[in-house]
Amino acid sequence: MSLIPWLRWNETLPRLSARSPAEMVLETLMMELAGQMREAERQQQERKSAVRKICTGVDYSWLASTQRPTYNLSPGERLQLEDVCAKIHPSYCGPAILRFRQLLAEREPEVQEVSRLFRSVLQEVLDRMKQEEEARRLTRQWSLRPRGGLAPFRPRARISPFASDIRTISEDVEREAPPPPRTWSMPEFRAPQAD
């Protein structure tokens, strides 16, 4: 028995690294949609059989065979969804799936509504991507702006620390004068005295 077929099995499979990240995101998102559609259809069938069991009082579910999925996406709708999925950045794939699952858990939609919910989640993610890209662009543009690009701040009053007409606490201490009768933060209001 030859071992050559066993050694060549790796050559026949396509390498995972050969696919681009956009293809992997597209495939992941479309598999998620297909899986959630199957789950929604299964839940819909369970609800129908539960209603039938309540109405008739008899359970024939053991007799029924498993049904094939009855709802499929139209080719046009599938292409539109694939086009939108291809625009999703790989870092947003996980959050998109989580948001989609959250909406499905909240609403428990019919099978026909699942693709609409999926499209709305993808649009939310695309909008968030655009907003974050715009914020990054503005931040990058602001940080690359030359220093002289903005008008420099010019204070209106010039402060000269060596002016002789400004009284300071240290002058009073040096002259050994008694402390002034007011606090330094308040202006001194006195009527002029006539000599």
N, C-alpha and C. Protein backbone atom coordinates (compact mmCIF):
# COMPACT_ATOMS: atom_id res chain seq x y z
N MET A 1 0.84 -1.17 0.00
CA MET A 1 0.00 0.00 0.00
C MET A 1 0.89 1.24 0.00
N SER A 2 0.59 2.16 -0.87
CA SER A 2 1.40 3.37 -1.03
C SER A 2 0.90 4.48 -0.09
N LEU A 3 1.81 5.23 0.42
CA LEU A 3 1.46 6.35 1.30
C LEU A 3 1.39 7.67 0.54
N ILE A 4 1.65 7.65 -0.74
CA ILE A 4 1.69 8.89 -1.52
C ILE A 4 0.34 9.61 -1.51
N PRO A 5 -0.82 8.95 -1.66
CA PRO A 5 -2.09 9.68 -1.59
C PRO A 5 -2.30 10.37 -0.25
N TRP A 6 -1.80 9.75 0.81
CA TRP A 6 -1.95 10.35 2.13
C TRP A 6 -1.07 11.60 2.28
N LEU A 7 0.05 11.61 1.62
CA LEU A 7 0.96 12.75 1.73
C LEU A 7 0.53 13.91 0.83
N ARG A 8 -0.26 13.63 -0.20
CA ARG A 8 -0.66 14.67 -1.13
C ARG A 8 -2.01 15.31 -0.78
N TRP A 9 -2.66 14.91 0.27
CA TRP A 9 -3.98 15.45 0.57
C TRP A 9 -3.91 16.95 0.84
N ASN A 10 -2.79 17.41 1.37
CA ASN A 10 -2.65 18.82 1.68
C ASN A 10 -2.53 19.67 0.41
N GLU A 11 -2.00 19.10 -0.66
CA GLU A 11 -1.83 19.85 -1.89
C GLU A 11 -3.16 20.11 -2.60
N THR A 12 -4.12 19.25 -2.44
CA THR A 12 -5.38 19.40 -3.16
C THR A 12 -6.31 20.41 -2.52
N LEU A 13 -6.18 20.62 -1.21
CA LEU A 13 -7.06 21.58 -0.53
C LEU A 13 -6.58 23.01 -0.78
N PRO A 14 -7.49 23.94 -0.98
CA PRO A 14 -7.06 25.33 -1.15
C PRO A 14 -6.52 25.86 0.18
N ARG A 15 -5.49 26.62 0.09
CA ARG A 15 -4.90 27.16 1.30
C ARG A 15 -5.77 28.30 1.83
N LEU A 16 -5.91 28.33 3.15
CA LEU A 16 -6.74 29.37 3.75
C LEU A 16 -6.11 30.74 3.61
N SER A 17 -4.79 30.79 3.62
CA SER A 17 -4.13 32.09 3.54
C SER A 17 -4.21 32.68 2.13
N ALA A 18 -4.59 31.88 1.13
CA ALA A 18 -4.68 32.37 -0.24
C ALA A 18 -5.91 33.27 -0.41
N ARG A 19 -6.91 33.13 0.47
CA ARG A 19 -8.09 33.96 0.36
C ARG A 19 -7.83 35.33 0.98
N SER A 20 -8.42 36.33 0.39
CA SER A 20 -8.24 37.67 0.93
C SER A 20 -9.14 37.85 2.15
N PRO A 21 -8.82 38.81 3.01
CA PRO A 21 -9.68 39.06 4.18
C PRO A 21 -11.10 39.43 3.78
N ALA A 22 -11.26 40.16 2.66
CA ALA A 22 -12.61 40.53 2.22
C ALA A 22 -13.43 39.30 1.85
N GLU A 23 -12.79 38.31 1.22
CA GLU A 23 -13.50 37.06 0.87
C GLU A 23 -13.90 36.30 2.12
N MET A 24 -13.00 36.28 3.11
CA MET A 24 -13.32 35.56 4.35
C MET A 24 -14.45 36.24 5.10
N VAL A 25 -14.47 37.59 5.12
CA VAL A 25 -15.56 38.32 5.77
C VAL A 25 -16.87 38.05 5.04
N LEU A 26 -16.83 38.09 3.72
CA LEU A 26 -18.03 37.82 2.91
C LEU A 26 -18.58 36.42 3.21
N GLU A 27 -17.69 35.44 3.20
CA GLU A 27 -18.12 34.07 3.44
C GLU A 27 -18.66 33.89 4.85
N THR A 28 -18.00 34.50 5.83
CA THR A 28 -18.44 34.38 7.22
C THR A 28 -19.82 35.01 7.42
N LEU A 29 -20.00 36.21 6.89
CA LEU A 29 -21.29 36.89 7.06
C LEU A 29 -22.42 36.16 6.34
N MET A 30 -22.15 35.65 5.14
CA MET A 30 -23.20 34.94 4.41
C MET A 30 -23.53 33.60 5.07
N MET A 31 -22.52 32.93 5.65
CA MET A 31 -22.81 31.69 6.39
C MET A 31 -23.65 31.99 7.63
N GLU A 32 -23.37 33.11 8.28
CA GLU A 32 -24.16 33.51 9.45
C GLU A 32 -25.61 33.77 9.04
N LEU A 33 -25.81 34.45 7.93
CA LEU A 33 -27.17 34.71 7.45
C LEU A 33 -27.89 33.41 7.14
N ALA A 34 -27.22 32.50 6.44
CA ALA A 34 -27.85 31.22 6.08
C ALA A 34 -28.21 30.43 7.34
N GLY A 35 -27.31 30.40 8.29
CA GLY A 35 -27.58 29.67 9.54
C GLY A 35 -28.73 30.28 10.32
N GLN A 36 -28.79 31.59 10.38
CA GLN A 36 -29.87 32.24 11.12
C GLN A 36 -31.21 32.08 10.40
N MET A 37 -31.16 32.03 9.07
CA MET A 37 -32.41 31.79 8.33
C MET A 37 -32.92 30.38 8.59
N ARG A 38 -32.00 29.40 8.62
CA ARG A 38 -32.43 28.02 8.94
C ARG A 38 -33.02 27.95 10.34
N GLU A 39 -32.38 28.63 11.29
CA GLU A 39 -32.87 28.62 12.66
C GLU A 39 -34.24 29.30 12.77
N ALA A 40 -34.42 30.40 12.07
CA ALA A 40 -35.71 31.09 12.09
C ALA A 40 -36.80 30.22 11.47
N GLU A 41 -36.45 29.51 10.40
CA GLU A 41 -37.45 28.63 9.77
C GLU A 41 -37.79 27.46 10.70
N ARG A 42 -36.80 26.92 11.40
CA ARG A 42 -37.06 25.83 12.35
C ARG A 42 -37.98 26.31 13.47
N GLN A 43 -37.70 27.50 13.99
CA GLN A 43 -38.55 28.04 15.05
C GLN A 43 -39.96 28.32 14.55
N GLN A 44 -40.06 28.77 13.31
CA GLN A 44 -41.37 29.03 12.73
C GLN A 44 -42.16 27.72 12.60
N GLN A 45 -41.50 26.65 12.16
CA GLN A 45 -42.15 25.34 12.06
C GLN A 45 -42.59 24.83 13.43
N GLU A 46 -41.74 25.04 14.44
CA GLU A 46 -42.10 24.61 15.81
C GLU A 46 -43.32 25.37 16.31
N ARG A 47 -43.38 26.67 16.02
CA ARG A 47 -44.54 27.45 16.46
C ARG A 47 -45.81 26.96 15.76
N LYS A 48 -45.71 26.67 14.46
CA LYS A 48 -46.87 26.18 13.73
C LYS A 48 -47.34 24.83 14.27
N SER A 49 -46.38 23.95 14.55
CA SER A 49 -46.79 22.62 15.06
C SER A 49 -47.36 22.74 16.47
N ALA A 50 -46.86 23.68 17.27
CA ALA A 50 -47.41 23.87 18.61
C ALA A 50 -48.85 24.40 18.53
N VAL A 51 -49.10 25.32 17.60
CA VAL A 51 -50.45 25.85 17.42
C VAL A 51 -51.38 24.73 16.93
N ARG A 52 -50.89 23.92 15.97
CA ARG A 52 -51.68 22.81 15.44
C ARG A 52 -51.99 21.80 16.55
N LYS A 53 -51.01 21.55 17.41
CA LYS A 53 -51.21 20.59 18.50
C LYS A 53 -52.26 21.11 19.49
N ILE A 54 -52.21 22.42 19.74
CA ILE A 54 -53.20 22.99 20.66
C ILE A 54 -54.59 22.95 20.04
N CYS A 55 -54.68 23.27 18.75
CA CYS A 55 -55.99 23.30 18.09
C CYS A 55 -56.61 21.91 17.94
N THR A 56 -55.79 20.92 17.55
CA THR A 56 -56.32 19.58 17.30
C THR A 56 -56.25 18.69 18.53
N GLY A 57 -55.35 18.95 19.43
CA GLY A 57 -55.20 18.12 20.62
C GLY A 57 -54.40 16.86 20.35
N VAL A 58 -53.88 16.68 19.15
CA VAL A 58 -53.13 15.49 18.80
C VAL A 58 -51.76 15.91 18.27
N ASP A 59 -50.73 15.14 18.64
CA ASP A 59 -49.37 15.45 18.21
C ASP A 59 -48.92 14.41 17.19
N TYR A 60 -48.79 14.84 15.94
CA TYR A 60 -48.31 13.94 14.89
C TYR A 60 -46.89 14.30 14.47
N SER A 61 -46.16 15.04 15.27
CA SER A 61 -44.83 15.49 14.89
C SER A 61 -43.87 14.30 14.72
N TRP A 62 -44.09 13.22 15.42
CA TRP A 62 -43.22 12.06 15.29
C TRP A 62 -43.38 11.41 13.92
N LEU A 63 -44.53 11.64 13.28
CA LEU A 63 -44.82 11.04 12.00
C LEU A 63 -44.27 11.87 10.83
N ALA A 64 -44.12 13.15 11.06
CA ALA A 64 -43.68 14.05 9.98
C ALA A 64 -42.17 13.90 9.77
N SER A 65 -41.77 13.94 8.53
CA SER A 65 -40.34 13.87 8.21
C SER A 65 -39.78 15.29 8.22
N THR A 66 -38.48 15.39 8.30
CA THR A 66 -37.86 16.72 8.30
C THR A 66 -38.05 17.37 6.95
N GLN A 67 -38.44 18.59 6.98
CA GLN A 67 -38.71 19.30 5.74
C GLN A 67 -37.48 20.06 5.29
N ARG A 68 -37.38 20.21 4.00
CA ARG A 68 -36.31 21.02 3.44
C ARG A 68 -36.66 22.49 3.63
N PRO A 69 -35.65 23.33 3.67
CA PRO A 69 -35.96 24.76 3.82
C PRO A 69 -36.80 25.24 2.65
N THR A 70 -37.84 25.97 2.96
CA THR A 70 -38.74 26.43 1.91
C THR A 70 -38.43 27.85 1.47
N TYR A 71 -37.76 28.62 2.30
CA TYR A 71 -37.47 30.01 1.93
C TYR A 71 -36.01 30.15 1.51
N ASN A 72 -35.79 30.69 0.34
CA ASN A 72 -34.44 30.97 -0.16
C ASN A 72 -34.38 32.41 -0.62
N LEU A 73 -33.20 32.99 -0.56
CA LEU A 73 -32.99 34.34 -1.07
C LEU A 73 -33.04 34.32 -2.59
N SER A 74 -33.57 35.37 -3.17
CA SER A 74 -33.53 35.47 -4.63
C SER A 74 -32.09 35.78 -5.05
N PRO A 75 -31.71 35.41 -6.26
CA PRO A 75 -30.34 35.67 -6.69
C PRO A 75 -29.96 37.16 -6.65
N GLY A 76 -30.90 38.02 -6.97
CA GLY A 76 -30.62 39.46 -6.93
C GLY A 76 -30.37 39.94 -5.50
N GLU A 77 -31.20 39.46 -4.58
CA GLU A 77 -31.03 39.85 -3.18
C GLU A 77 -29.72 39.31 -2.62
N ARG A 78 -29.38 38.08 -2.99
CA ARG A 78 -28.12 37.49 -2.54
C ARG A 78 -26.92 38.31 -3.05
N LEU A 79 -26.96 38.71 -4.32
CA LEU A 79 -25.87 39.51 -4.87
C LEU A 79 -25.75 40.86 -4.18
N GLN A 80 -26.89 41.49 -3.87
CA GLN A 80 -26.86 42.77 -3.18
C GLN A 80 -26.25 42.62 -1.78
N LEU A 81 -26.66 41.57 -1.08
CA LEU A 81 -26.11 41.35 0.26
C LEU A 81 -24.61 41.03 0.20
N GLU A 82 -24.20 40.24 -0.79
CA GLU A 82 -22.78 39.94 -0.93
C GLU A 82 -21.98 41.19 -1.25
N ASP A 83 -22.56 42.09 -2.03
CA ASP A 83 -21.88 43.35 -2.36
C ASP A 83 -21.68 44.19 -1.10
N VAL A 84 -22.70 44.25 -0.26
CA VAL A 84 -22.59 45.02 0.99
C VAL A 84 -21.60 44.34 1.94
N CYS A 85 -21.64 43.01 2.02
CA CYS A 85 -20.73 42.27 2.91
C CYS A 85 -19.27 42.48 2.49
N ALA A 86 -19.02 42.62 1.20
CA ALA A 86 -17.65 42.80 0.73
C ALA A 86 -17.07 44.14 1.16
N LYS A 87 -17.93 45.10 1.49
CA LYS A 87 -17.46 46.42 1.92
C LYS A 87 -17.10 46.47 3.40
N ILE A 88 -17.49 45.45 4.16
CA ILE A 88 -17.25 45.43 5.60
C ILE A 88 -15.78 45.13 5.87
N HIS A 89 -15.16 45.93 6.72
CA HIS A 89 -13.77 45.72 7.11
C HIS A 89 -13.72 44.51 8.05
N PRO A 90 -12.65 43.71 8.00
CA PRO A 90 -12.59 42.51 8.85
C PRO A 90 -12.73 42.79 10.35
N SER A 91 -12.29 43.95 10.82
CA SER A 91 -12.41 44.24 12.25
C SER A 91 -13.85 44.49 12.67
N TYR A 92 -14.75 44.74 11.72
CA TYR A 92 -16.15 44.98 12.03
C TYR A 92 -17.01 43.75 11.83
N CYS A 93 -16.43 42.65 11.39
CA CYS A 93 -17.20 41.44 11.11
C CYS A 93 -17.81 40.87 12.40
N GLY A 94 -17.01 40.71 13.43
CA GLY A 94 -17.50 40.18 14.70
C GLY A 94 -18.59 41.03 15.32
N PRO A 95 -18.38 42.37 15.44
CA PRO A 95 -19.45 43.20 15.98
C PRO A 95 -20.73 43.16 15.14
N ALA A 96 -20.60 43.02 13.82
CA ALA A 96 -21.79 42.93 12.97
C ALA A 96 -22.57 41.66 13.28
N ILE A 97 -21.87 40.56 13.43
CA ILE A 97 -22.55 39.28 13.75
C ILE A 97 -23.22 39.36 15.11
N LEU A 98 -22.53 39.95 16.10
CA LEU A 98 -23.12 40.07 17.43
C LEU A 98 -24.38 40.94 17.42
N ARG A 99 -24.32 42.04 16.68
CA ARG A 99 -25.49 42.92 16.59
C ARG A 99 -26.65 42.22 15.89
N PHE A 100 -26.34 41.45 14.85
CA PHE A 100 -27.36 40.70 14.12
C PHE A 100 -28.03 39.68 15.04
N ARG A 101 -27.23 38.94 15.79
CA ARG A 101 -27.80 37.95 16.73
C ARG A 101 -28.63 38.62 17.81
N GLN A 102 -28.17 39.80 18.27
CA GLN A 102 -28.92 40.52 19.29
C GLN A 102 -30.30 40.93 18.77
N LEU A 103 -30.34 41.45 17.54
CA LEU A 103 -31.63 41.84 16.96
C LEU A 103 -32.54 40.64 16.77
N LEU A 104 -31.98 39.51 16.35
CA LEU A 104 -32.79 38.31 16.17
C LEU A 104 -33.35 37.82 17.50
N ALA A 105 -32.55 37.89 18.55
CA ALA A 105 -33.03 37.45 19.87
C ALA A 105 -34.12 38.38 20.40
N GLU A 106 -34.00 39.67 20.12
CA GLU A 106 -35.00 40.62 20.60
C GLU A 106 -36.34 40.48 19.87
N ARG A 107 -36.28 40.27 18.56
CA ARG A 107 -37.50 40.34 17.75
C ARG A 107 -38.10 38.99 17.39
N GLU A 108 -37.31 37.93 17.34
CA GLU A 108 -37.76 36.62 16.90
C GLU A 108 -38.55 36.73 15.59
N PRO A 109 -37.89 37.14 14.52
CA PRO A 109 -38.59 37.43 13.26
C PRO A 109 -38.97 36.17 12.49
N GLU A 110 -39.84 36.37 11.51
CA GLU A 110 -40.17 35.32 10.55
C GLU A 110 -38.99 35.18 9.60
N VAL A 111 -38.96 34.11 8.84
CA VAL A 111 -37.83 33.83 7.94
C VAL A 111 -37.65 34.95 6.92
N GLN A 112 -38.75 35.48 6.42
CA GLN A 112 -38.67 36.52 5.39
C GLN A 112 -38.05 37.81 5.92
N GLU A 113 -38.16 38.06 7.22
CA GLU A 113 -37.65 39.30 7.81
C GLU A 113 -36.16 39.22 8.15
N VAL A 114 -35.60 38.03 8.18
CA VAL A 114 -34.20 37.87 8.61
C VAL A 114 -33.25 38.60 7.67
N SER A 115 -33.47 38.49 6.37
CA SER A 115 -32.56 39.15 5.44
C SER A 115 -32.66 40.67 5.54
N ARG A 116 -33.85 41.20 5.83
CA ARG A 116 -34.00 42.65 6.01
C ARG A 116 -33.26 43.12 7.26
N LEU A 117 -33.36 42.34 8.33
CA LEU A 117 -32.62 42.68 9.55
C LEU A 117 -31.11 42.63 9.29
N PHE A 118 -30.69 41.64 8.54
CA PHE A 118 -29.27 41.49 8.21
C PHE A 118 -28.78 42.70 7.42
N ARG A 119 -29.58 43.13 6.45
CA ARG A 119 -29.22 44.30 5.64
C ARG A 119 -29.13 45.55 6.52
N SER A 120 -30.07 45.71 7.47
CA SER A 120 -30.05 46.89 8.33
C SER A 120 -28.81 46.89 9.23
N VAL A 121 -28.41 45.72 9.71
CA VAL A 121 -27.19 45.63 10.54
C VAL A 121 -25.97 45.99 9.70
N LEU A 122 -25.90 45.48 8.48
CA LEU A 122 -24.77 45.80 7.62
C LEU A 122 -24.71 47.29 7.33
N GLN A 123 -25.86 47.91 7.13
CA GLN A 123 -25.89 49.36 6.88
C GLN A 123 -25.43 50.13 8.11
N GLU A 124 -25.83 49.68 9.30
CA GLU A 124 -25.36 50.29 10.55
C GLU A 124 -23.84 50.23 10.63
N VAL A 125 -23.29 49.07 10.32
CA VAL A 125 -21.84 48.89 10.40
C VAL A 125 -21.13 49.78 9.38
N LEU A 126 -21.67 49.86 8.17
CA LEU A 126 -21.06 50.74 7.16
C LEU A 126 -21.10 52.20 7.58
N ASP A 127 -22.22 52.61 8.18
CA ASP A 127 -22.32 53.99 8.66
C ASP A 127 -21.30 54.26 9.77
N ARG A 128 -21.16 53.31 10.68
CA ARG A 128 -20.18 53.46 11.77
C ARG A 128 -18.77 53.51 11.21
N MET A 129 -18.49 52.68 10.20
CA MET A 129 -17.16 52.70 9.58
C MET A 129 -16.88 54.07 8.95
N LYS A 130 -17.88 54.64 8.26
CA LYS A 130 -17.70 55.95 7.63
C LYS A 130 -17.47 57.03 8.68
N GLN A 131 -18.23 56.99 9.78
CA GLN A 131 -18.06 57.98 10.83
C GLN A 131 -16.67 57.90 11.45
N GLU A 132 -16.22 56.70 11.74
CA GLU A 132 -14.91 56.54 12.36
C GLU A 132 -13.80 56.93 11.39
N GLU A 133 -13.97 56.63 10.11
CA GLU A 133 -12.97 57.03 9.12
C GLU A 133 -12.93 58.55 8.98
N GLU A 134 -14.08 59.19 9.01
CA GLU A 134 -14.13 60.65 8.95
C GLU A 134 -13.45 61.26 10.18
N ALA A 135 -13.71 60.69 11.35
CA ALA A 135 -13.07 61.19 12.57
C ALA A 135 -11.56 61.00 12.49
N ARG A 136 -11.11 59.85 11.99
CA ARG A 136 -9.67 59.61 11.84
C ARG A 136 -9.05 60.59 10.85
N ARG A 137 -9.77 60.84 9.76
CA ARG A 137 -9.26 61.76 8.74
C ARG A 137 -9.13 63.17 9.31
N LEU A 138 -10.14 63.61 10.06
CA LEU A 138 -10.08 64.94 10.66
C LEU A 138 -8.97 65.03 11.70
N THR A 139 -8.80 63.99 12.49
CA THR A 139 -7.73 63.97 13.49
C THR A 139 -6.37 64.00 12.80
N ARG A 140 -6.22 63.22 11.76
CA ARG A 140 -4.96 63.19 11.02
C ARG A 140 -4.70 64.55 10.38
N GLN A 141 -5.73 65.15 9.82
CA GLN A 141 -5.60 66.45 9.18
C GLN A 141 -5.23 67.51 10.21
N TRP A 142 -5.81 67.44 11.39
CA TRP A 142 -5.52 68.40 12.44
C TRP A 142 -4.09 68.24 12.95
N SER A 143 -3.64 67.00 13.10
CA SER A 143 -2.30 66.77 13.63
C SER A 143 -1.22 67.10 12.60
N LEU A 144 -1.54 67.05 11.30
CA LEU A 144 -0.55 67.36 10.27
C LEU A 144 -0.52 68.83 9.92
N ARG A 145 -1.42 69.62 10.47
CA ARG A 145 -1.49 71.05 10.18
C ARG A 145 -0.21 71.73 10.68
N PRO A 146 0.38 72.65 9.90
CA PRO A 146 1.59 73.32 10.34
C PRO A 146 1.30 74.20 11.56
N ARG A 147 2.33 74.42 12.36
CA ARG A 147 2.14 75.17 13.60
C ARG A 147 1.64 76.58 13.34
N GLY A 148 2.06 77.17 12.26
CA GLY A 148 1.64 78.53 11.95
C GLY A 148 0.28 78.57 11.26
N GLY A 149 -0.38 77.43 11.13
CA GLY A 149 -1.66 77.37 10.42
C GLY A 149 -2.76 78.12 11.14
N LEU A 150 -2.71 78.15 12.46
CA LEU A 150 -3.70 78.88 13.22
C LEU A 150 -3.13 80.22 13.62
N ALA A 151 -3.99 81.20 13.84
CA ALA A 151 -3.52 82.50 14.29
C ALA A 151 -2.94 82.35 15.69
N PRO A 152 -1.75 82.84 15.92
CA PRO A 152 -1.16 82.68 17.25
C PRO A 152 -1.93 83.50 18.28
N PHE A 153 -1.96 83.02 19.48
CA PHE A 153 -2.66 83.69 20.57
C PHE A 153 -1.82 84.87 21.04
N ARG A 154 -2.41 86.06 21.04
CA ARG A 154 -1.71 87.25 21.51
C ARG A 154 -2.51 87.84 22.66
N PRO A 155 -1.94 87.86 23.82
CA PRO A 155 -2.66 88.46 24.94
C PRO A 155 -2.79 89.97 24.75
N ARG A 156 -3.86 90.56 25.25
CA ARG A 156 -4.09 91.99 25.08
C ARG A 156 -3.22 92.81 26.02
N ALA A 157 -3.06 92.39 27.22
CA ALA A 157 -2.27 93.15 28.19
C ALA A 157 -0.90 92.52 28.32
N ARG A 158 0.09 93.37 28.33
CA ARG A 158 1.44 92.87 28.54
C ARG A 158 1.78 93.02 30.01
N ILE A 159 2.36 91.98 30.55
CA ILE A 159 2.73 92.01 31.96
C ILE A 159 4.24 92.13 32.05
N SER A 160 4.64 93.14 32.75
CA SER A 160 6.07 93.35 32.94
C SER A 160 6.39 93.08 34.41
N PRO A 161 7.15 92.07 34.72
CA PRO A 161 7.40 91.72 36.12
C PRO A 161 8.30 92.72 36.84
N PHE A 162 8.96 93.61 36.12
CA PHE A 162 9.89 94.52 36.77
C PHE A 162 9.35 95.94 36.85
N ALA A 163 8.08 96.13 36.68
CA ALA A 163 7.50 97.48 36.76
C ALA A 163 7.55 97.96 38.20
N SER A 164 7.86 99.21 38.40
CA SER A 164 8.03 99.74 39.75
C SER A 164 6.71 100.16 40.38
N ASP A 165 5.69 100.38 39.60
CA ASP A 165 4.43 100.86 40.19
C ASP A 165 3.55 99.73 40.71
N ILE A 166 3.94 98.50 40.54
CA ILE A 166 3.16 97.36 41.04
C ILE A 166 3.66 97.01 42.43
N ARG A 167 2.75 97.09 43.38
CA ARG A 167 3.13 96.77 44.75
C ARG A 167 3.05 95.26 44.96
N THR A 168 4.00 94.71 45.63
CA THR A 168 4.02 93.29 45.93
C THR A 168 4.18 93.08 47.42
N ILE A 169 3.88 91.90 47.86
CA ILE A 169 4.02 91.57 49.27
C ILE A 169 5.49 91.59 49.67
N SER A 170 6.35 91.16 48.80
CA SER A 170 7.77 91.11 49.14
C SER A 170 8.35 92.50 49.39
N GLU A 171 7.87 93.53 48.71
CA GLU A 171 8.34 94.89 48.96
C GLU A 171 7.98 95.32 50.37
N ASP A 172 6.75 94.97 50.78
CA ASP A 172 6.33 95.35 52.13
C ASP A 172 7.14 94.61 53.18
N VAL A 173 7.46 93.39 52.91
CA VAL A 173 8.25 92.61 53.87
C VAL A 173 9.66 93.18 53.94
N GLU A 174 10.22 93.54 52.80
CA GLU A 174 11.56 94.09 52.78
C GLU A 174 11.61 95.43 53.51
N ARG A 175 10.57 96.23 53.41
CA ARG A 175 10.54 97.52 54.09
C ARG A 175 10.09 97.37 55.53
N GLU A 176 9.72 96.22 55.93
CA GLU A 176 9.21 95.93 57.27
C GLU A 176 8.02 96.79 57.62
N ALA A 177 7.18 96.95 56.65
CA ALA A 177 5.96 97.71 56.87
C ALA A 177 4.91 96.79 57.46
N PRO A 178 3.95 97.38 58.19
CA PRO A 178 2.88 96.53 58.72
C PRO A 178 2.05 95.98 57.55
N PRO A 179 1.42 94.83 57.74
CA PRO A 179 0.63 94.26 56.65
C PRO A 179 -0.49 95.21 56.28
N PRO A 180 -0.84 95.22 55.03
CA PRO A 180 -1.90 96.13 54.60
C PRO A 180 -3.23 95.75 55.23
N PRO A 181 -4.15 96.71 55.34
CA PRO A 181 -5.43 96.43 56.00
C PRO A 181 -6.41 95.64 55.13
N ARG A 182 -6.09 95.39 53.93
CA ARG A 182 -6.99 94.65 53.04
C ARG A 182 -6.27 93.43 52.48
N THR A 183 -7.04 92.55 51.86
CA THR A 183 -6.43 91.41 51.19
C THR A 183 -5.94 91.86 49.84
N TRP A 184 -4.94 91.19 49.33
CA TRP A 184 -4.33 91.61 48.08
C TRP A 184 -5.22 91.34 46.87
N SER A 185 -6.18 90.44 47.00
CA SER A 185 -7.02 90.13 45.84
C SER A 185 -8.11 91.18 45.63
N MET A 186 -8.40 92.00 46.64
CA MET A 186 -9.44 93.01 46.53
C MET A 186 -8.82 94.38 46.22
N PRO A 187 -9.45 95.15 45.37
CA PRO A 187 -8.92 96.49 45.11
C PRO A 187 -9.12 97.40 46.33
N GLU A 188 -8.30 98.37 46.44
CA GLU A 188 -8.38 99.28 47.59
C GLU A 188 -9.21 100.49 47.18
N PHE A 189 -10.31 100.70 47.89
CA PHE A 189 -11.19 101.83 47.62
C PHE A 189 -11.10 102.78 48.81
N ARG A 190 -10.43 103.87 48.63
CA ARG A 190 -10.35 104.89 49.69
C ARG A 190 -10.55 106.26 49.05
N ALA A 191 -11.17 107.07 49.84
CA ALA A 191 -11.36 108.45 49.35
C ALA A 191 -10.04 109.20 49.50
N PRO A 192 -9.74 110.05 48.54
CA PRO A 192 -8.48 110.79 48.66
C PRO A 192 -8.54 111.72 49.89
N GLN A 193 -7.46 111.75 50.62
CA GLN A 193 -7.37 112.58 51.82
C GLN A 193 -6.77 113.93 51.47
N ALA A 194 -7.37 114.91 52.04
CA ALA A 194 -6.84 116.26 51.79
C ALA A 194 -5.78 116.57 52.82
N ASP A 195 -4.62 117.03 52.42
CA ASP A 195 -3.55 117.37 53.35
C ASP A 195 -3.61 118.80 53.72
